């Protein structure tokens, strides 16, 4: 489901599903995990050019941080500002390193059957908008607990985000936001992305 440009209100992103939201420059979007422990894969595009999307890698260069913080500016792959983080009600528990889950990732963990994923969610959302995409951008993984050990290894040691945690972002240009309730419901050791392995709804407010 897509919310048209300038629409304001509150919506629920159902567990394992995704929605898109068209923001006018200056509008804000609040993303909430009402039950806690639920990752929200977040993608954003320049609404005037789907060839320009939010890029965590380009953002790090300016913010010098692997997690987004209040007042940080997210940049696109063309190094243009696209969004600003206004509030962080999740104690800084976010990730900008993990790629969106996909069928190949599940198979790598030994899950052979077809499985929903954030990559598939994004592809389906964009297809419903009449856009066939061939690249899955690196998402910002809100409410995702990752850390880097002193030896450089990356781990995701269980999701500890509290119920009701949220973030607020402001659009710096007309922006398409896609939010996926991450379907990752398996629990390989060291990669417990969604708390107990149960996927739950997200709530979104545009204002």
C-alpha atoms as a PDB file:
ATOM      1  CA  UNK A   1       0.000   0.000   0.000  1.00  0.00           C
ATOM      2  CA  UNK A   2       1.227   3.483  -0.874  1.00  0.00           C
ATOM      3  CA  UNK A   3       0.286   6.678   0.939  1.00  0.00           C
ATOM      4  CA  UNK A   4       0.077   9.539  -1.533  1.00  0.00           C
ATOM      5  CA  UNK A   5       2.182  12.684  -1.439  1.00  0.00           C
ATOM      6  CA  UNK A   6       1.310  14.878   1.506  1.00  0.00           C
ATOM      7  CA  UNK A   7      -1.010  12.379   3.209  1.00  0.00           C
ATOM      8  CA  UNK A   8      -0.952  12.673   6.986  1.00  0.00           C
ATOM      9  CA  UNK A   9      -2.173  10.177   9.552  1.00  0.00           C
ATOM     10  CA  UNK A  10      -1.305   6.935  11.307  1.00  0.00           C
ATOM     11  CA  UNK A  11      -0.939   3.497   9.732  1.00  0.00           C
ATOM     12  CA  UNK A  12       0.082  -0.028  10.689  1.00  0.00           C
ATOM     13  CA  UNK A  13       2.755  -1.901   8.768  1.00  0.00           C
ATOM     14  CA  UNK A  14       1.716  -5.492   9.292  1.00  0.00           C
ATOM     15  CA  UNK A  15       4.244  -8.092  10.420  1.00  0.00           C
ATOM     16  CA  UNK A  16       6.453  -9.276   7.539  1.00  0.00           C
ATOM     17  CA  UNK A  17       4.949  -6.646   5.199  1.00  0.00           C
ATOM     18  CA  UNK A  18       5.966  -3.216   3.912  1.00  0.00           C
ATOM     19  CA  UNK A  19       4.374   0.111   3.028  1.00  0.00           C
ATOM     20  CA  UNK A  20       5.512   3.233   1.178  1.00  0.00           C
ATOM     21  CA  UNK A  21       4.957   6.847   2.157  1.00  0.00           C
ATOM     22  CA  UNK A  22       5.412   9.930  -0.041  1.00  0.00           C
ATOM     23  CA  UNK A  23       6.655  12.877   2.036  1.00  0.00           C
ATOM     24  CA  UNK A  24       6.684  16.533   1.053  1.00  0.00           C
ATOM     25  CA  UNK A  25       9.818  18.436   2.031  1.00  0.00           C
ATOM     26  CA  UNK A  26       9.421  19.414   5.682  1.00  0.00           C
ATOM     27  CA  UNK A  27       7.041  16.606   6.630  1.00  0.00           C
ATOM     28  CA  UNK A  28       8.045  14.252   9.409  1.00  0.00           C
ATOM     29  CA  UNK A  29       7.619  10.519   9.797  1.00  0.00           C
ATOM     30  CA  UNK A  30       7.565   8.635  13.096  1.00  0.00           C
ATOM     31  CA  UNK A  31       8.314   4.887  13.022  1.00  0.00           C
ATOM     32  CA  UNK A  32       7.325   2.930  16.129  1.00  0.00           C
ATOM     33  CA  UNK A  33       7.872  -0.644  17.275  1.00  0.00           C
ATOM     34  CA  UNK A  34       4.860  -0.988  19.609  1.00  0.00           C
ATOM     35  CA  UNK A  35       5.813  -4.432  20.910  1.00  0.00           C
ATOM     36  CA  UNK A  36       9.572  -3.846  20.850  1.00  0.00           C
ATOM     37  CA  UNK A  37      12.267  -6.181  19.540  1.00  0.00           C
ATOM     38  CA  UNK A  38      11.203  -5.667  15.903  1.00  0.00           C
ATOM     39  CA  UNK A  39      13.574  -4.501  13.183  1.00  0.00           C
ATOM     40  CA  UNK A  40      12.341  -1.924  10.676  1.00  0.00           C
ATOM     41  CA  UNK A  41      14.229  -1.928   7.391  1.00  0.00           C
ATOM     42  CA  UNK A  42      14.036   1.624   6.058  1.00  0.00           C
ATOM     43  CA  UNK A  43      14.645   2.670   2.448  1.00  0.00           C
ATOM     44  CA  UNK A  44      14.278   6.175   1.005  1.00  0.00           C
ATOM     45  CA  UNK A  45      14.364   7.590  -2.520  1.00  0.00           C
ATOM     46  CA  UNK A  46      14.355  11.027  -4.081  1.00  0.00           C
ATOM     47  CA  UNK A  47      10.723  11.217  -5.153  1.00  0.00           C
ATOM     48  CA  UNK A  48      11.757  12.976  -8.376  1.00  0.00           C
ATOM     49  CA  UNK A  49      14.372  10.350  -9.307  1.00  0.00           C
ATOM     50  CA  UNK A  50      14.320   6.737  -8.175  1.00  0.00           C
ATOM     51  CA  UNK A  51      17.956   6.494  -9.292  1.00  0.00           C
ATOM     52  CA  UNK A  52      18.875   8.453  -6.146  1.00  0.00           C
ATOM     53  CA  UNK A  53      18.425   6.678  -2.837  1.00  0.00           C
ATOM     54  CA  UNK A  54      19.511   7.011   0.772  1.00  0.00           C
ATOM     55  CA  UNK A  55      22.990   5.577   1.235  1.00  0.00           C
ATOM     56  CA  UNK A  56      24.279   4.693   4.732  1.00  0.00           C
ATOM     57  CA  UNK A  57      27.831   4.403   3.369  1.00  0.00           C
ATOM     58  CA  UNK A  58      27.835   7.967   2.067  1.00  0.00           C
ATOM     59  CA  UNK A  59      26.194   9.118   5.293  1.00  0.00           C
ATOM     60  CA  UNK A  60      28.977   7.678   7.504  1.00  0.00           C
ATOM     61  CA  UNK A  61      31.550   9.911   5.847  1.00  0.00           C
ATOM     62  CA  UNK A  62      29.753  13.010   7.106  1.00  0.00           C
ATOM     63  CA  UNK A  63      28.368  11.804  10.451  1.00  0.00           C
ATOM     64  CA  UNK A  64      31.411   9.686  11.368  1.00  0.00           C
ATOM     65  CA  UNK A  65      29.031   7.265  13.071  1.00  0.00           C
ATOM     66  CA  UNK A  66      27.823   3.761  12.203  1.00  0.00           C
ATOM     67  CA  UNK A  67      24.482   4.449  13.902  1.00  0.00           C
ATOM     68  CA  UNK A  68      22.181   7.413  13.230  1.00  0.00           C
ATOM     69  CA  UNK A  69      21.834  10.046  15.967  1.00  0.00           C
ATOM     70  CA  UNK A  70      19.536  13.041  16.476  1.00  0.00           C
ATOM     71  CA  UNK A  71      20.471  15.901  14.118  1.00  0.00           C
ATOM     72  CA  UNK A  72      22.363  13.570  11.778  1.00  0.00           C
ATOM     73  CA  UNK A  73      21.716  14.137   8.077  1.00  0.00           C
ATOM     74  CA  UNK A  74      21.200  11.115   5.838  1.00  0.00           C
ATOM     75  CA  UNK A  75      22.779  11.471   2.399  1.00  0.00           C
ATOM     76  CA  UNK A  76      21.919   9.865  -0.923  1.00  0.00           C
ATOM     77  CA  UNK A  77      24.366   7.970  -3.077  1.00  0.00           C
ATOM     78  CA  UNK A  78      24.946  11.271  -4.868  1.00  0.00           C
ATOM     79  CA  UNK A  79      25.879  12.836  -1.499  1.00  0.00           C
ATOM     80  CA  UNK A  80      22.772  15.011  -1.331  1.00  0.00           C
ATOM     81  CA  UNK A  81      20.830  15.480   1.935  1.00  0.00           C
ATOM     82  CA  UNK A  82      17.551  13.562   1.935  1.00  0.00           C
ATOM     83  CA  UNK A  83      16.410  13.149   5.573  1.00  0.00           C
ATOM     84  CA  UNK A  84      17.302  14.398   9.029  1.00  0.00           C
ATOM     85  CA  UNK A  85      16.954  12.408  12.234  1.00  0.00           C
ATOM     86  CA  UNK A  86      14.918  14.548  14.623  1.00  0.00           C
ATOM     87  CA  UNK A  87      14.316  12.235  17.577  1.00  0.00           C
ATOM     88  CA  UNK A  88      15.615   8.858  18.709  1.00  0.00           C
ATOM     89  CA  UNK A  89      13.364   7.116  21.187  1.00  0.00           C
ATOM     90  CA  UNK A  90      15.198   3.799  20.874  1.00  0.00           C
ATOM     91  CA  UNK A  91      18.391   4.531  22.840  1.00  0.00           C
ATOM     92  CA  UNK A  92      20.565   4.473  19.733  1.00  0.00           C
ATOM     93  CA  UNK A  93      19.866   0.818  18.962  1.00  0.00           C
ATOM     94  CA  UNK A  94      20.019   0.932  15.167  1.00  0.00           C
ATOM     95  CA  UNK A  95      22.182  -0.510  12.413  1.00  0.00           C
ATOM     96  CA  UNK A  96      23.513   0.719   9.071  1.00  0.00           C
ATOM     97  CA  UNK A  97      25.700  -2.281   8.216  1.00  0.00           C
ATOM     98  CA  UNK A  98      23.408  -5.260   7.576  1.00  0.00           C
ATOM     99  CA  UNK A  99      22.005  -5.663   4.049  1.00  0.00           C
ATOM    100  CA  UNK A 100      18.310  -6.346   3.618  1.00  0.00           C
ATOM    101  CA  UNK A 101      17.447  -9.999   4.143  1.00  0.00           C
ATOM    102  CA  UNK A 102      16.696 -12.008   1.001  1.00  0.00           C
ATOM    103  CA  UNK A 103      16.012 -15.576  -0.076  1.00  0.00           C
ATOM    104  CA  UNK A 104      19.721 -16.322  -0.408  1.00  0.00           C
ATOM    105  CA  UNK A 105      20.362 -15.241   3.177  1.00  0.00           C
ATOM    106  CA  UNK A 106      17.767 -17.676   4.494  1.00  0.00           C
ATOM    107  CA  UNK A 107      19.201 -20.449   2.361  1.00  0.00           C
ATOM    108  CA  UNK A 108      22.633 -19.649   3.778  1.00  0.00           C
ATOM    109  CA  UNK A 109      21.218 -20.388   7.218  1.00  0.00           C
ATOM    110  CA  UNK A 110      19.843 -23.704   5.937  1.00  0.00           C
ATOM    111  CA  UNK A 111      16.258 -22.581   5.283  1.00  0.00           C
ATOM    112  CA  UNK A 112      15.444 -24.000   1.843  1.00  0.00           C
ATOM    113  CA  UNK A 113      11.756 -23.105   1.449  1.00  0.00           C
ATOM    114  CA  UNK A 114      10.615 -19.766  -0.016  1.00  0.00           C
ATOM    115  CA  UNK A 115      10.659 -17.098   2.673  1.00  0.00           C
ATOM    116  CA  UNK A 116       9.493 -13.491   2.749  1.00  0.00           C
ATOM    117  CA  UNK A 117      12.220 -10.870   3.044  1.00  0.00           C
ATOM    118  CA  UNK A 118      12.833  -7.130   3.166  1.00  0.00           C
ATOM    119  CA  UNK A 119      14.339  -7.301  -0.320  1.00  0.00           C
ATOM    120  CA  UNK A 120      11.175  -8.907  -1.649  1.00  0.00           C
ATOM    121  CA  UNK A 121       9.027  -6.430   0.277  1.00  0.00           C
ATOM    122  CA  UNK A 122      10.850  -3.482  -1.296  1.00  0.00           C
ATOM    123  CA  UNK A 123      10.642  -4.998  -4.779  1.00  0.00           C
ATOM    124  CA  UNK A 124       6.905  -5.591  -4.410  1.00  0.00           C
ATOM    125  CA  UNK A 125       6.233  -2.096  -3.078  1.00  0.00           C
ATOM    126  CA  UNK A 126       8.115  -0.519  -5.972  1.00  0.00           C
ATOM    127  CA  UNK A 127       6.406  -2.795  -8.502  1.00  0.00           C
ATOM    128  CA  UNK A 128       3.023  -1.657  -7.232  1.00  0.00           C
ATOM    129  CA  UNK A 129       4.223   1.872  -7.968  1.00  0.00           C
ATOM    130  CA  UNK A 130       5.078   0.835 -11.525  1.00  0.00           C
ATOM    131  CA  UNK A 131       8.819   0.703 -10.857  1.00  0.00           C
ATOM    132  CA  UNK A 132      10.916  -2.384 -11.542  1.00  0.00           C
ATOM    133  CA  UNK A 133      14.121  -2.133  -9.524  1.00  0.00           C
ATOM    134  CA  UNK A 134      17.269  -4.182 -10.049  1.00  0.00           C
ATOM    135  CA  UNK A 135      19.231  -2.892  -7.044  1.00  0.00           C
ATOM    136  CA  UNK A 136      18.303  -3.308  -3.383  1.00  0.00           C
ATOM    137  CA  UNK A 137      19.851  -0.332  -1.586  1.00  0.00           C
ATOM    138  CA  UNK A 138      21.519  -0.759   1.788  1.00  0.00           C
ATOM    139  CA  UNK A 139      18.758   0.000   4.314  1.00  0.00           C
ATOM    140  CA  UNK A 140      18.906   1.782   7.619  1.00  0.00           C
ATOM    141  CA  UNK A 141      17.886  -0.935  10.065  1.00  0.00           C
ATOM    142  CA  UNK A 142      16.049   0.862  12.827  1.00  0.00           C
ATOM    143  CA  UNK A 143      15.607  -1.039  16.115  1.00  0.00           C
ATOM    144  CA  UNK A 144      18.336  -3.529  15.184  1.00  0.00           C
ATOM    145  CA  UNK A 145      20.986  -4.414  17.748  1.00  0.00           C
ATOM    146  CA  UNK A 146      24.399  -4.930  16.178  1.00  0.00           C
ATOM    147  CA  UNK A 147      27.874  -4.380  17.549  1.00  0.00           C
ATOM    148  CA  UNK A 148      31.473  -4.750  16.465  1.00  0.00           C
ATOM    149  CA  UNK A 149      33.857  -6.724  18.644  1.00  0.00           C
ATOM    150  CA  UNK A 150      37.427  -5.512  19.283  1.00  0.00           C
ATOM    151  CA  UNK A 151      38.663  -8.062  16.735  1.00  0.00           C
ATOM    152  CA  UNK A 152      36.402  -6.514  14.080  1.00  0.00           C
ATOM    153  CA  UNK A 153      33.735  -9.218  13.991  1.00  0.00           C
ATOM    154  CA  UNK A 154      30.135  -8.072  13.559  1.00  0.00           C
ATOM    155  CA  UNK A 155      27.376  -9.632  15.664  1.00  0.00           C
ATOM    156  CA  UNK A 156      23.652  -9.125  16.203  1.00  0.00           C
ATOM    157  CA  UNK A 157      23.244 -10.480  19.746  1.00  0.00           C
ATOM    158  CA  UNK A 158      19.482 -10.355  20.184  1.00  0.00           C
ATOM    159  CA  UNK A 159      17.064  -7.480  19.802  1.00  0.00           C
ATOM    160  CA  UNK A 160      16.773  -5.529  23.067  1.00  0.00           C
ATOM    161  CA  UNK A 161      14.671  -2.596  21.820  1.00  0.00           C
ATOM    162  CA  UNK A 162      11.907  -1.741  24.291  1.00  0.00           C
ATOM    163  CA  UNK A 163       8.186  -1.662  23.414  1.00  0.00           C
ATOM    164  CA  UNK A 164       7.124   1.759  22.175  1.00  0.00           C
ATOM    165  CA  UNK A 165      10.564   2.715  20.898  1.00  0.00           C
ATOM    166  CA  UNK A 166      10.510   5.104  17.960  1.00  0.00           C
ATOM    167  CA  UNK A 167      12.413   7.404  15.631  1.00  0.00           C
ATOM    168  CA  UNK A 168      11.330  10.650  13.977  1.00  0.00           C
ATOM    169  CA  UNK A 169      12.762  11.749  10.618  1.00  0.00           C
ATOM    170  CA  UNK A 170      12.225  14.946   8.617  1.00  0.00           C
ATOM    171  CA  UNK A 171      12.189  14.986   4.819  1.00  0.00           C
ATOM    172  CA  UNK A 172      14.701  17.473   3.417  1.00  0.00           C
ATOM    173  CA  UNK A 173      13.400  16.927  -0.126  1.00  0.00           C
ATOM    174  CA  UNK A 174      10.259  15.276  -1.490  1.00  0.00           C
ATOM    175  CA  UNK A 175      10.977  11.724  -0.418  1.00  0.00           C
ATOM    176  CA  UNK A 176       9.617   8.219  -0.922  1.00  0.00           C
ATOM    177  CA  UNK A 177      10.021   6.178   2.261  1.00  0.00           C
ATOM    178  CA  UNK A 178       9.572   2.399   2.321  1.00  0.00           C
ATOM    179  CA  UNK A 179       9.289   0.666   5.683  1.00  0.00           C
ATOM    180  CA  UNK A 180       9.467  -3.111   6.027  1.00  0.00           C
ATOM    181  CA  UNK A 181       8.610  -5.093   9.151  1.00  0.00           C
ATOM    182  CA  UNK A 182      11.588  -7.419   8.810  1.00  0.00           C
ATOM    183  CA  UNK A 183      10.371 -11.018   8.285  1.00  0.00           C
ATOM    184  CA  UNK A 184      13.503 -12.541   9.872  1.00  0.00           C
ATOM    185  CA  UNK A 185      11.909 -15.160  12.147  1.00  0.00           C
ATOM    186  CA  UNK A 186      14.721 -17.679  12.445  1.00  0.00           C
ATOM    187  CA  UNK A 187      17.255 -17.584  15.288  1.00  0.00           C
ATOM    188  CA  UNK A 188      20.769 -18.531  14.210  1.00  0.00           C
ATOM    189  CA  UNK A 189      23.167 -18.040  17.100  1.00  0.00           C
ATOM    190  CA  UNK A 190      24.533 -14.506  17.145  1.00  0.00           C
ATOM    191  CA  UNK A 191      21.945 -13.236  14.646  1.00  0.00           C
ATOM    192  CA  UNK A 192      18.715 -12.983  16.647  1.00  0.00           C
ATOM    193  CA  UNK A 193      17.453 -10.005  14.670  1.00  0.00           C
ATOM    194  CA  UNK A 194      13.872  -9.929  15.983  1.00  0.00           C
ATOM    195  CA  UNK A 195      13.839 -10.691  19.702  1.00  0.00           C
ATOM    196  CA  UNK A 196      12.266 -14.081  20.288  1.00  0.00           C
ATOM    197  CA  UNK A 197      12.012 -14.727  16.547  1.00  0.00           C
ATOM    198  CA  UNK A 198       8.427 -13.476  16.466  1.00  0.00           C
ATOM    199  CA  UNK A 199       7.773 -10.805  13.837  1.00  0.00           C
ATOM    200  CA  UNK A 200       5.377  -8.026  14.877  1.00  0.00           C
ATOM    201  CA  UNK A 201       3.655  -4.975  13.434  1.00  0.00           C
ATOM    202  CA  UNK A 202       5.157  -1.509  13.154  1.00  0.00           C
ATOM    203  CA  UNK A 203       3.272   1.752  13.421  1.00  0.00           C
ATOM    204  CA  UNK A 204       3.926   4.807  11.249  1.00  0.00           C
ATOM    205  CA  UNK A 205       2.756   8.392  11.658  1.00  0.00           C
ATOM    206  CA  UNK A 206       3.223  11.124   9.052  1.00  0.00           C
ATOM    207  CA  UNK A 207       2.758  14.708  10.203  1.00  0.00           C
END
